[in-house]
C-alpha atoms as a PDB file:
ATOM      1  CA  MET A   1      -5.659  16.526   9.544  1.00  0.00           C
ATOM      2  CA  PRO A   2      -8.410  16.097   6.920  1.00  0.00           C
ATOM      3  CA  ASP A   3     -10.995  13.404   7.675  1.00  0.00           C
ATOM      4  CA  VAL A   4      -9.912  13.186  11.314  1.00  0.00           C
ATOM      5  CA  GLY A   5     -12.246  14.983  13.654  1.00  0.00           C
ATOM      6  CA  PRO A   6     -11.690  15.611  17.363  1.00  0.00           C
ATOM      7  CA  LYS A   7     -13.223  12.303  18.490  1.00  0.00           C
ATOM      8  CA  LEU A   8     -11.126  10.205  16.114  1.00  0.00           C
ATOM      9  CA  ALA A   9      -8.004  12.219  16.973  1.00  0.00           C
ATOM     10  CA  SER A  10      -8.667  11.490  20.645  1.00  0.00           C
ATOM     11  CA  ARG A  11      -9.057   7.757  19.936  1.00  0.00           C
ATOM     12  CA  LEU A  12      -5.798   7.768  17.945  1.00  0.00           C
ATOM     13  CA  LEU A  13      -3.891   9.425  20.773  1.00  0.00           C
ATOM     14  CA  HIS A  14      -5.429   7.113  23.351  1.00  0.00           C
ATOM     15  CA  HIS A  15      -4.564   4.029  21.277  1.00  0.00           C
ATOM     16  CA  PHE A  16      -1.007   5.052  20.358  1.00  0.00           C
ATOM     17  CA  ASN A  17      -0.190   7.097  23.504  1.00  0.00           C
ATOM     18  CA  ASN A  18       1.575   9.918  21.601  1.00  0.00           C
ATOM     19  CA  VAL A  19       1.536  11.818  18.323  1.00  0.00           C
ATOM     20  CA  GLU A  20       4.861  10.406  17.110  1.00  0.00           C
ATOM     21  CA  ALA A  21       3.490   6.861  17.313  1.00  0.00           C
ATOM     22  CA  VAL A  22       0.486   7.892  15.199  1.00  0.00           C
ATOM     23  CA  PHE A  23       2.810   9.324  12.540  1.00  0.00           C
ATOM     24  CA  ILE A  24       4.791   6.083  12.219  1.00  0.00           C
ATOM     25  CA  ALA A  25       1.842   3.689  12.562  1.00  0.00           C
ATOM     26  CA  SER A  26       1.181   1.298   9.688  1.00  0.00           C
ATOM     27  CA  GLU A  27      -2.188   1.053   7.961  1.00  0.00           C
ATOM     28  CA  ALA A  28      -2.820  -2.214   9.813  1.00  0.00           C
ATOM     29  CA  ALA A  29      -2.075  -0.555  13.154  1.00  0.00           C
ATOM     30  CA  LEU A  30      -4.337   2.399  12.329  1.00  0.00           C
ATOM     31  CA  MET A  31      -7.157  -0.011  11.473  1.00  0.00           C
ATOM     32  CA  GLN A  32      -7.076  -1.311  15.050  1.00  0.00           C
ATOM     33  CA  VAL A  33      -8.495   2.042  16.189  1.00  0.00           C
ATOM     34  CA  ASP A  34     -12.288   2.158  16.429  1.00  0.00           C
ATOM     35  CA  GLY A  35     -13.685   4.149  13.508  1.00  0.00           C
ATOM     36  CA  ILE A  36     -10.796   3.535  11.112  1.00  0.00           C
ATOM     37  CA  GLY A  37     -11.292   1.149   8.243  1.00  0.00           C
ATOM     38  CA  LYS A  38      -9.015   0.264   5.360  1.00  0.00           C
ATOM     39  CA  GLN A  39      -9.820   3.346   3.260  1.00  0.00           C
ATOM     40  CA  LYS A  40      -9.426   5.818   6.118  1.00  0.00           C
ATOM     41  CA  ALA A  41      -6.193   4.154   7.288  1.00  0.00           C
ATOM     42  CA  LYS A  42      -4.802   4.395   3.754  1.00  0.00           C
ATOM     43  CA  LYS A  43      -5.776   8.063   3.479  1.00  0.00           C
ATOM     44  CA  ILE A  44      -4.232   8.890   6.875  1.00  0.00           C
ATOM     45  CA  ARG A  45      -0.963   7.168   5.869  1.00  0.00           C
ATOM     46  CA  GLU A  46      -0.924   9.112   2.575  1.00  0.00           C
ATOM     47  CA  ILE A  47      -1.455  12.405   4.392  1.00  0.00           C
ATOM     48  CA  LEU A  48       1.211  11.667   6.994  1.00  0.00           C
ATOM     49  CA  THR A  49       3.822  10.559   4.469  1.00  0.00           C
ATOM     50  CA  HIS A  50       3.297  13.626   2.269  1.00  0.00           C
ATOM     51  CA  SER A  51       3.475  16.168   5.105  1.00  0.00           C
END
């Protein structure tokens, strides 16, 4: 996924416990992960909803 390197991907999986939960997470939920701010959360949601 663009803008998500291995460290951030690892933090996402650790926070949400599985890939499916990452795909359905809201922007607010994504922002709870260390290293994800409002802009990055918005971009991740856009990427996941257009895939």
